[in-house]
Amino acid sequence: MTIHHSFSKTFLFLISLFATAETFAQNPAPALPQSRPVVITGATIHVGNGQVIQNGVIAFDKGLITYLGAAGSNPTGANAETIDAKGKHIFPGIISLNTTVGLQEVASVRATLDFNEVGEINPHVRALVAYNTDSEVIPTLRGNGILVSQAVPQGGVISGSSSVFYSDGWNWEDAVLKKDDGIWLSWPPFLASTFNYEDFSVSVKRNEKRQETIDLIKSTFSEAKGYMEVAEPAAVNLRLAAMKPLFAGTANLYIRADYAKDIVEAVKTAREAGIKRVVIVGGDESYKVAAFLKENQVPVVLNPTHRLPGRVDENVYLPYELPSMLHKAGVKVAITYADEWWRTRNLAFMAGTSSGFSDVSPEDALQFVTKNAAEIIGAEREVGTLEKGKHASLIVSQGDILDMRGNSVEMVFVKGGKVNLDDKQKRLYEKYKTKYGKN
């Protein structure tokens, strides 16, 4: 009798738990694969390469774009789903580089942080297998147009390899767009800053360990190149084996560097070591060496531009103008939100600001977060622009996504599948609007 009574209480408790489970809403399920052709008509289509199609038509089937052009007859037949988007705008998905989205969730909870490994030389560490598609942050990003993110490891001198993911998928295998696109290196700065927690002051002095770190980088490159030349090494070295793509020219070497002197020295060191594809990340003083970067065909992924300049004697608008300065100098440039993973949703507005504070057109500024970013990571065949044969990964917005006043994303398609735009922040808004909306 006692056992039966205890079982009944346990059973009722479990039933009540399941009954209230709906109050703890989960992320929406990923989009289903495209089941029939889709045609979107009447919208202004921003291709992403500078071209704009007024009253345009875009069609896609089986996840790929099949038609793009001016309004006309249905290009895919009678069984297609037709969406009238008159008065709206269509853009390629925004691409967020150099982020820890999917690698961290709550900054103050160590168990949710998976972006930093112990040690200085970790080229074999892969962000690929650490990416968490269940992150509550990811849906908030795609609701603002971020459809692709580059998950990047942090820490040490050589942090590891990044991978590129769609912001929709059941798991990392599902979401990955490009595996191990490059290895990340933090170049030792000429000047080192120290933060004093007592008076919140910052002291800057010459980095005394700089040359020691540079010597470590050079020796690591030399060992990796030598290891690559051995067809069948007697002992497998995971660290050195992971760097083979750098010398084969199939992966980027992303170098974090801000000062002009550091940028030049880092690029020269990498090229002397035989590394073919180099990308500068950060680049606060990249405008000072723009000619050098253009000559060596080195792209720049800029730090967040919604900030103050780094020096008191610099133009207060310099961060806003920096993307256009590099663009005019012939340097391929992309903008990033760096490691502010939860604020990445505002990335498109940085591109808009770069246009507003220069004579770069909005369509050229759009390329800073679409076409250029795709070319830098080597995914230009799949994403970055809206062209026939590319992935049907696009945004339908009420207005200009580069402008806070027009950015109102209504529909998102990832590889042709229509994505549910619900997220935790929207659910909380609806919940508390009911409570506090009453007079």
Protein backbone atom coordinates (compact mmCIF):
# COMPACT_ATOMS: atom_id res chain seq x y z
CA MET A 1 0.00 0.00 0.00
CA THR A 2 2.80 2.37 0.89
CA ILE A 3 4.70 1.45 -2.26
CA HIS A 4 1.60 2.06 -4.39
CA HIS A 5 0.98 5.43 -2.74
CA SER A 6 4.60 6.47 -3.29
CA PHE A 7 4.47 5.43 -6.95
CA SER A 8 1.27 7.42 -7.45
CA LYS A 9 2.85 10.58 -6.02
CA THR A 10 5.91 10.15 -8.23
CA PHE A 11 3.74 9.55 -11.28
CA LEU A 12 1.62 12.65 -10.60
CA PHE A 13 4.79 14.73 -10.12
CA LEU A 14 6.16 13.62 -13.48
CA ILE A 15 2.85 14.35 -15.19
CA SER A 16 2.79 17.86 -13.73
CA LEU A 17 6.39 18.36 -14.88
CA PHE A 18 5.50 17.46 -18.47
CA ALA A 19 2.32 19.55 -18.29
CA THR A 20 4.32 22.68 -17.43
CA ALA A 21 7.11 21.96 -19.91
CA GLU A 22 5.53 24.32 -22.41
CA THR A 23 6.37 27.25 -20.14
CA PHE A 24 10.05 26.53 -20.78
CA ALA A 25 9.99 27.01 -24.55
CA GLN A 26 12.89 25.68 -26.57
CA ASN A 27 14.51 26.97 -29.72
CA PRO A 28 12.39 26.32 -32.82
CA ALA A 29 13.23 23.26 -34.88
CA PRO A 30 15.51 23.80 -37.88
CA ALA A 31 13.91 24.42 -41.24
CA LEU A 32 12.72 21.41 -43.20
CA PRO A 33 14.48 20.76 -46.52
CA GLN A 34 12.87 22.57 -49.43
CA SER A 35 10.08 20.36 -50.77
CA ARG A 36 8.94 22.36 -53.81
CA PRO A 37 10.11 25.34 -55.86
CA VAL A 38 9.68 28.82 -54.37
CA VAL A 39 9.29 32.05 -56.30
CA ILE A 40 9.43 35.45 -54.58
CA THR A 41 8.16 38.31 -56.71
CA GLY A 42 7.89 42.08 -56.59
CA ALA A 43 10.74 42.84 -54.19
CA THR A 44 13.78 45.06 -54.60
CA ILE A 45 16.63 42.54 -54.80
CA HIS A 46 20.06 43.54 -53.51
CA VAL A 47 22.31 41.00 -55.20
CA GLY A 48 25.33 41.72 -53.00
CA ASN A 49 27.76 42.57 -55.81
CA GLY A 50 26.57 46.16 -56.21
CA GLN A 51 23.66 45.29 -58.47
CA VAL A 52 20.07 46.14 -57.51
CA ILE A 53 17.02 44.70 -59.29
CA GLN A 54 13.84 46.72 -58.91
CA ASN A 55 10.57 44.73 -58.97
CA GLY A 56 12.62 41.57 -59.19
CA VAL A 57 11.99 37.83 -59.10
CA ILE A 58 14.08 35.20 -57.36
CA ALA A 59 13.35 31.49 -57.64
CA PHE A 60 14.98 28.55 -55.91
CA ASP A 61 14.55 24.79 -55.83
CA LYS A 62 16.27 22.01 -53.88
CA GLY A 63 18.16 24.65 -51.91
CA LEU A 64 19.76 26.38 -54.91
CA ILE A 65 18.88 29.62 -56.71
CA THR A 66 17.49 28.78 -60.16
CA TYR A 67 16.51 32.22 -61.42
CA LEU A 68 17.18 35.86 -60.65
CA GLY A 69 15.95 38.76 -62.70
CA ALA A 70 13.27 41.29 -63.47
CA ALA A 71 9.60 40.51 -62.94
CA GLY A 72 8.04 38.34 -65.62
CA SER A 73 6.54 34.90 -66.02
CA ASN A 74 6.93 32.20 -63.37
CA PRO A 75 10.34 30.69 -64.15
CA THR A 76 9.72 27.34 -62.39
CA GLY A 77 6.26 26.19 -63.48
CA ALA A 78 2.79 26.00 -62.04
CA ASN A 79 3.50 23.92 -58.90
CA ALA A 80 5.84 26.47 -57.32
CA GLU A 81 4.98 28.32 -54.14
CA THR A 82 4.70 31.99 -55.06
CA ILE A 83 5.33 34.70 -52.45
CA ASP A 84 4.33 38.28 -53.16
CA ALA A 85 6.98 40.56 -51.65
CA LYS A 86 5.94 43.80 -53.30
CA GLY A 87 7.46 46.79 -51.50
CA LYS A 88 9.95 44.65 -49.58
CA HIS A 89 13.68 44.05 -49.97
CA ILE A 90 15.68 40.84 -50.46
CA PHE A 91 19.31 40.54 -49.37
CA PRO A 92 21.90 37.75 -49.19
CA GLY A 93 22.42 36.43 -45.66
CA ILE A 94 24.80 38.47 -43.51
CA ILE A 95 28.10 36.72 -42.73
CA SER A 96 29.63 37.19 -39.28
CA LEU A 97 33.38 36.53 -39.10
CA ASN A 98 35.64 36.14 -36.07
CA THR A 99 33.01 35.28 -33.47
CA THR A 100 32.50 32.83 -30.62
CA VAL A 101 28.83 32.28 -31.43
CA GLY A 102 28.08 28.62 -30.74
CA LEU A 103 31.20 28.29 -28.58
CA GLN A 104 29.96 30.23 -25.56
CA GLU A 105 26.56 30.87 -24.08
CA VAL A 106 26.73 32.62 -20.71
CA ALA A 107 29.96 34.50 -19.98
CA SER A 108 29.73 34.01 -16.22
CA VAL A 109 29.08 30.25 -16.43
CA ARG A 110 32.31 28.37 -17.15
CA ALA A 111 30.49 25.21 -18.24
CA THR A 112 29.05 27.09 -21.23
CA LEU A 113 32.43 28.36 -22.47
CA ASP A 114 34.22 26.21 -25.00
CA PHE A 115 36.46 28.52 -27.00
CA ASN A 116 39.77 28.62 -25.13
CA GLU A 117 42.28 25.79 -24.64
CA VAL A 118 45.24 25.58 -22.27
CA GLY A 119 48.65 26.14 -23.87
CA GLU A 120 50.26 28.51 -26.35
CA ILE A 121 50.47 26.40 -29.54
CA ASN A 122 47.17 24.68 -30.37
CA PRO A 123 46.69 24.54 -34.16
CA HIS A 124 45.04 21.12 -33.78
CA VAL A 125 42.14 22.49 -31.71
CA ARG A 126 38.99 22.61 -33.85
CA ALA A 127 36.00 24.86 -33.29
CA LEU A 128 34.14 22.50 -35.61
CA VAL A 129 33.29 19.85 -33.04
CA ALA A 130 32.56 22.32 -30.23
CA TYR A 131 29.85 24.26 -32.06
CA ASN A 132 26.52 24.18 -30.23
CA THR A 133 23.49 24.55 -32.51
CA ASP A 134 21.17 24.64 -29.45
CA SER A 135 22.52 28.02 -28.37
CA GLU A 136 19.78 30.50 -27.44
CA VAL A 137 21.87 33.25 -29.02
CA ILE A 138 21.81 31.87 -32.57
CA PRO A 139 18.07 32.45 -33.25
CA THR A 140 18.40 36.08 -32.08
CA LEU A 141 21.08 36.60 -34.73
CA ARG A 142 19.25 35.15 -37.70
CA GLY A 143 16.22 37.27 -36.79
CA ASN A 144 18.40 40.25 -37.70
CA GLY A 145 19.81 38.72 -40.86
CA ILE A 146 22.93 36.85 -39.64
CA LEU A 147 22.71 33.55 -41.51
CA VAL A 148 26.39 32.51 -41.46
CA SER A 149 28.89 32.64 -38.57
CA GLN A 150 32.57 31.80 -38.37
CA ALA A 151 33.21 30.14 -35.01
CA VAL A 152 36.73 31.00 -33.86
CA PRO A 153 38.85 29.60 -31.00
CA GLN A 154 40.61 32.04 -28.69
CA GLY A 155 43.66 32.11 -26.42
CA GLY A 156 47.35 31.32 -26.71
CA VAL A 157 49.63 32.24 -29.59
CA ILE A 158 48.13 29.79 -32.08
CA SER A 159 44.54 29.28 -30.98
CA GLY A 160 43.32 26.57 -33.37
CA SER A 161 41.17 26.32 -36.48
CA SER A 162 37.85 27.99 -37.19
CA SER A 163 34.87 26.62 -39.12
CA VAL A 164 31.92 28.32 -40.78
CA PHE A 165 28.32 27.48 -39.91
CA TYR A 166 24.81 28.29 -40.97
CA SER A 167 22.64 29.66 -38.16
CA ASP A 168 20.23 26.77 -38.63
CA GLY A 169 20.73 23.05 -38.10
CA TRP A 170 20.19 20.15 -35.72
CA ASN A 171 23.90 19.72 -34.94
CA TRP A 172 27.30 20.90 -36.13
CA GLU A 173 27.34 18.28 -38.90
CA ASP A 174 24.04 19.70 -40.11
CA ALA A 175 24.98 23.37 -39.85
CA VAL A 176 28.57 23.40 -41.12
CA LEU A 177 29.20 25.29 -44.36
CA LYS A 178 32.99 25.12 -44.44
CA LYS A 179 35.19 22.98 -42.21
CA ASP A 180 38.54 24.20 -40.87
CA ASP A 181 38.75 27.27 -43.09
CA GLY A 182 41.84 28.60 -41.32
CA ILE A 183 44.15 28.68 -38.30
CA TRP A 184 44.27 31.66 -35.92
CA LEU A 185 47.45 33.34 -34.72
CA SER A 186 47.76 36.21 -32.23
CA TRP A 187 50.75 38.33 -33.22
CA PRO A 188 52.56 39.79 -30.19
CA PRO A 189 51.97 43.57 -30.19
CA PHE A 190 54.84 46.04 -30.06
CA LEU A 191 53.11 47.72 -27.13
CA ALA A 192 51.46 45.85 -24.27
CA SER A 193 48.72 47.31 -22.09
CA THR A 194 47.96 46.44 -18.48
CA PHE A 195 44.65 47.14 -16.76
CA ASN A 196 44.71 48.23 -13.10
CA TYR A 197 41.57 47.00 -11.34
CA GLU A 198 42.12 49.26 -8.35
CA ASP A 199 41.83 52.62 -10.12
CA PHE A 200 40.61 51.33 -13.54
CA SER A 201 43.61 52.86 -15.29
CA VAL A 202 45.44 51.43 -18.30
CA SER A 203 49.23 51.55 -18.56
CA VAL A 204 51.01 50.99 -21.86
CA LYS A 205 54.62 49.95 -22.23
CA ARG A 206 56.89 48.12 -24.62
CA ASN A 207 56.16 44.39 -24.85
CA GLU A 208 59.31 42.81 -23.44
CA LYS A 209 58.30 39.27 -24.45
CA ARG A 210 57.53 40.20 -28.05
CA GLN A 211 60.69 38.83 -29.68
CA GLU A 212 60.51 35.64 -27.63
CA THR A 213 57.00 35.01 -28.94
CA ILE A 214 57.98 35.83 -32.52
CA ASP A 215 60.84 33.32 -32.29
CA LEU A 216 58.36 30.71 -31.07
CA ILE A 217 56.08 31.42 -34.03
CA LYS A 218 58.93 31.17 -36.53
CA SER A 219 60.21 27.89 -35.09
CA THR A 220 56.68 26.45 -35.14
CA PHE A 221 56.27 27.42 -38.81
CA SER A 222 59.64 25.89 -39.64
CA GLU A 223 58.83 22.63 -37.87
CA ALA A 224 55.40 22.43 -39.52
CA LYS A 225 56.85 23.00 -42.99
CA GLY A 226 59.49 20.34 -42.41
CA TYR A 227 56.85 17.94 -41.12
CA MET A 228 54.75 18.52 -44.23
CA GLU A 229 57.63 17.51 -46.49
CA VAL A 230 57.83 14.08 -44.86
CA ALA A 231 55.48 11.76 -46.74
CA GLU A 232 55.03 9.22 -43.94
CA PRO A 233 56.38 10.50 -40.61
CA ALA A 234 57.37 7.81 -38.14
CA ALA A 235 55.53 9.59 -35.33
CA VAL A 236 52.33 11.53 -35.89
CA ASN A 237 52.39 15.07 -34.51
CA LEU A 238 48.83 16.39 -34.36
CA ARG A 239 49.89 20.00 -33.90
CA LEU A 240 52.18 20.06 -36.92
CA ALA A 241 49.84 17.95 -39.06
CA ALA A 242 47.03 20.45 -38.47
CA MET A 243 49.14 23.20 -40.10
CA LYS A 244 49.63 21.37 -43.41
CA PRO A 245 46.74 23.20 -45.14
CA LEU A 246 48.51 26.53 -44.52
CA PHE A 247 51.46 25.48 -46.66
CA ALA A 248 49.27 23.69 -49.20
CA GLY A 249 47.31 26.90 -49.74
CA THR A 250 43.95 25.35 -48.83
CA ALA A 251 43.41 27.26 -45.57
CA ASN A 252 43.90 30.82 -44.34
CA LEU A 253 46.27 32.00 -41.66
CA TYR A 254 44.26 34.57 -39.71
CA ILE A 255 46.63 36.91 -37.88
CA ARG A 256 45.29 39.10 -35.10
CA ALA A 257 47.23 42.37 -35.33
CA ASP A 258 46.32 46.04 -34.88
CA TYR A 259 49.47 48.18 -35.05
CA ALA A 260 50.92 49.02 -38.49
CA LYS A 261 54.40 47.70 -37.55
CA ASP A 262 52.90 44.43 -36.30
CA ILE A 263 50.81 43.99 -39.46
CA VAL A 264 53.79 44.37 -41.79
CA GLU A 265 56.07 42.12 -39.72
CA ALA A 266 53.40 39.44 -39.33
CA VAL A 267 52.64 39.26 -43.06
CA LYS A 268 56.33 39.15 -43.99
CA THR A 269 57.01 36.39 -41.46
CA ALA A 270 54.13 34.28 -42.76
CA ARG A 271 55.15 34.71 -46.40
CA GLU A 272 58.79 33.92 -45.65
CA ALA A 273 57.62 30.70 -43.99
CA GLY A 274 55.80 29.70 -47.19
CA ILE A 275 52.23 30.41 -46.06
CA LYS A 276 50.20 31.51 -49.06
CA ARG A 277 46.89 32.81 -47.74
CA VAL A 278 47.14 35.45 -45.01
CA VAL A 279 44.30 37.50 -43.50
CA ILE A 280 44.77 40.35 -41.02
CA VAL A 281 42.15 40.46 -38.26
CA GLY A 282 41.71 43.58 -36.15
CA GLY A 283 43.63 46.06 -38.27
CA ASP A 284 43.09 49.28 -36.31
CA GLU A 285 46.10 50.86 -38.06
CA SER A 286 45.68 48.97 -41.34
CA TYR A 287 44.95 52.23 -43.17
CA LYS A 288 48.57 53.26 -42.55
CA VAL A 289 49.86 50.24 -44.52
CA ALA A 290 47.03 49.94 -47.06
CA ALA A 291 49.46 50.02 -50.02
CA PHE A 292 51.46 47.16 -48.50
CA LEU A 293 48.29 45.11 -47.93
CA LYS A 294 47.09 45.67 -51.48
CA GLU A 295 50.48 44.78 -52.96
CA ASN A 296 50.56 41.52 -51.00
CA GLN A 297 46.84 40.80 -51.60
CA VAL A 298 46.10 40.53 -47.89
CA PRO A 299 42.44 41.02 -46.88
CA VAL A 300 41.50 42.68 -43.59
CA VAL A 301 38.74 41.66 -41.20
CA LEU A 302 38.24 44.79 -39.13
CA ASN A 303 37.47 45.12 -35.45
CA PRO A 304 34.02 46.47 -34.52
CA THR A 305 33.69 49.98 -35.91
CA HIS A 306 31.06 51.29 -33.47
CA ARG A 307 33.69 52.56 -31.05
CA LEU A 308 36.01 55.43 -30.26
CA PRO A 309 39.40 55.68 -32.00
CA GLY A 310 42.36 53.99 -30.36
CA ARG A 311 44.39 57.17 -29.89
CA VAL A 312 43.48 60.62 -28.58
CA ASP A 313 45.00 62.36 -31.61
CA GLU A 314 42.99 60.38 -34.18
CA ASN A 315 39.88 61.56 -35.98
CA VAL A 316 36.88 60.70 -33.79
CA TYR A 317 35.12 59.25 -36.85
CA LEU A 318 38.10 57.15 -37.94
CA PRO A 319 36.57 53.76 -36.97
CA TYR A 320 33.47 54.61 -39.04
CA GLU A 321 35.57 55.65 -42.03
CA LEU A 322 38.14 52.84 -41.85
CA PRO A 323 36.25 50.27 -44.02
CA SER A 324 35.80 52.78 -46.84
CA MET A 325 39.44 53.91 -46.59
CA LEU A 326 40.67 50.36 -47.15
CA HIS A 327 38.04 49.72 -49.83
CA LYS A 328 39.17 52.77 -51.80
CA ALA A 329 42.80 51.66 -51.45
CA GLY A 330 41.94 48.37 -53.15
CA VAL A 331 42.11 46.19 -50.03
CA LYS A 332 39.43 43.54 -49.60
CA VAL A 333 37.75 44.36 -46.30
CA ALA A 334 35.12 42.80 -44.09
CA ILE A 335 33.67 44.01 -40.78
CA THR A 336 33.26 41.86 -37.70
CA TYR A 337 31.80 42.15 -34.21
CA ALA A 338 34.84 40.25 -32.85
CA ASP A 339 34.06 38.19 -29.75
CA GLU A 340 30.90 40.05 -28.73
CA TRP A 341 28.87 37.00 -29.68
CA TRP A 342 25.51 38.20 -28.34
CA ARG A 343 25.78 41.61 -30.03
CA THR A 344 26.64 40.21 -33.46
CA ARG A 345 23.05 40.79 -34.54
CA ASN A 346 23.97 44.49 -34.99
CA LEU A 347 26.67 43.70 -37.56
CA ALA A 348 24.65 44.99 -40.53
CA PHE A 349 24.39 48.43 -38.89
CA MET A 350 28.18 48.73 -38.87
CA ALA A 351 28.17 48.34 -42.64
CA GLY A 352 25.46 50.99 -42.82
CA THR A 353 27.51 53.37 -40.68
CA SER A 354 30.54 52.89 -42.93
CA SER A 355 28.43 54.11 -45.84
CA GLY A 356 26.90 57.00 -43.90
CA PHE A 357 30.33 58.37 -42.94
CA SER A 358 31.92 58.07 -46.39
CA ASP A 359 31.08 58.23 -50.07
CA VAL A 360 30.93 54.42 -50.31
CA SER A 361 27.48 53.45 -51.56
CA PRO A 362 25.17 51.29 -49.43
CA GLU A 363 25.50 48.50 -52.00
CA ASP A 364 29.29 48.55 -51.68
CA ALA A 365 28.98 48.67 -47.89
CA LEU A 366 26.72 45.61 -48.02
CA GLN A 367 29.66 43.69 -49.49
CA PHE A 368 31.63 44.26 -46.26
CA VAL A 369 29.32 41.76 -44.53
CA THR A 370 28.38 39.53 -47.48
CA LYS A 371 30.45 39.16 -50.67
CA ASN A 372 33.85 40.14 -49.24
CA ALA A 373 33.36 38.01 -46.15
CA ALA A 374 32.43 34.99 -48.29
CA GLU A 375 35.50 35.45 -50.48
CA ILE A 376 37.80 35.75 -47.47
CA ILE A 377 36.63 32.45 -45.97
CA GLY A 378 36.55 30.72 -49.36
CA ALA A 379 32.78 30.20 -49.47
CA GLU A 380 31.99 32.50 -52.40
CA ARG A 381 30.64 29.60 -54.47
CA GLU A 382 27.90 29.00 -51.93
CA VAL A 383 27.06 32.33 -50.28
CA GLY A 384 27.80 36.06 -50.29
CA THR A 385 25.71 37.07 -53.29
CA LEU A 386 22.38 36.07 -54.81
CA GLU A 387 23.30 34.32 -58.05
CA LYS A 388 22.06 31.31 -59.97
CA GLY A 389 23.56 28.09 -58.65
CA LYS A 390 24.38 29.44 -55.18
CA HIS A 391 22.67 28.42 -51.96
CA ALA A 392 19.22 29.94 -51.54
CA SER A 393 20.15 31.61 -48.24
CA LEU A 394 18.47 34.99 -48.16
CA ILE A 395 16.54 37.56 -46.14
CA VAL A 396 13.23 39.26 -46.88
CA SER A 397 13.00 42.57 -44.99
CA GLN A 398 10.51 45.42 -44.88
CA GLY A 399 13.33 47.87 -45.63
CA ASP A 400 17.08 48.36 -45.72
CA ILE A 401 18.79 45.88 -43.38
CA LEU A 402 21.79 48.23 -43.02
CA ASP A 403 19.52 50.80 -41.40
CA MET A 404 17.94 50.30 -37.96
CA ARG A 405 14.81 52.05 -39.21
CA GLY A 406 14.32 49.63 -42.10
CA ASN A 407 15.76 46.39 -40.73
CA SER A 408 12.66 44.34 -40.05
CA VAL A 409 13.29 40.78 -41.17
CA GLU A 410 10.06 39.03 -42.11
CA MET A 411 11.32 35.83 -43.75
CA VAL A 412 14.57 33.91 -43.81
CA PHE A 413 15.50 31.00 -46.06
CA VAL A 414 18.55 28.83 -45.43
CA LYS A 415 19.41 26.55 -48.35
CA GLY A 416 15.83 26.93 -49.51
CA GLY A 417 14.22 25.97 -46.21
CA LYS A 418 12.03 28.58 -44.53
CA VAL A 419 13.34 29.26 -41.02
CA ASN A 420 11.18 29.87 -37.97
CA LEU A 421 12.16 33.33 -36.69
CA ASP A 422 11.02 32.78 -33.10
CA ASP A 423 13.63 33.23 -30.35
CA LYS A 424 13.90 33.58 -26.58
CA GLN A 425 13.94 37.38 -26.63
CA LYS A 426 10.75 37.56 -28.67
CA ARG A 427 9.05 35.11 -26.32
CA LEU A 428 10.09 37.18 -23.30
CA TYR A 429 8.86 40.34 -25.01
CA GLU A 430 5.43 38.81 -25.59
CA LYS A 431 5.33 37.48 -22.04
CA TYR A 432 6.13 40.75 -20.27
CA LYS A 433 4.23 42.91 -22.73
CA THR A 434 1.12 41.27 -21.31
CA LYS A 435 2.19 42.07 -17.75
CA TYR A 436 3.47 45.61 -18.16
CA GLY A 437 1.36 46.68 -21.13
CA LYS A 438 -1.64 47.30 -18.91
CA ASN A 439 -2.31 50.81 -17.65
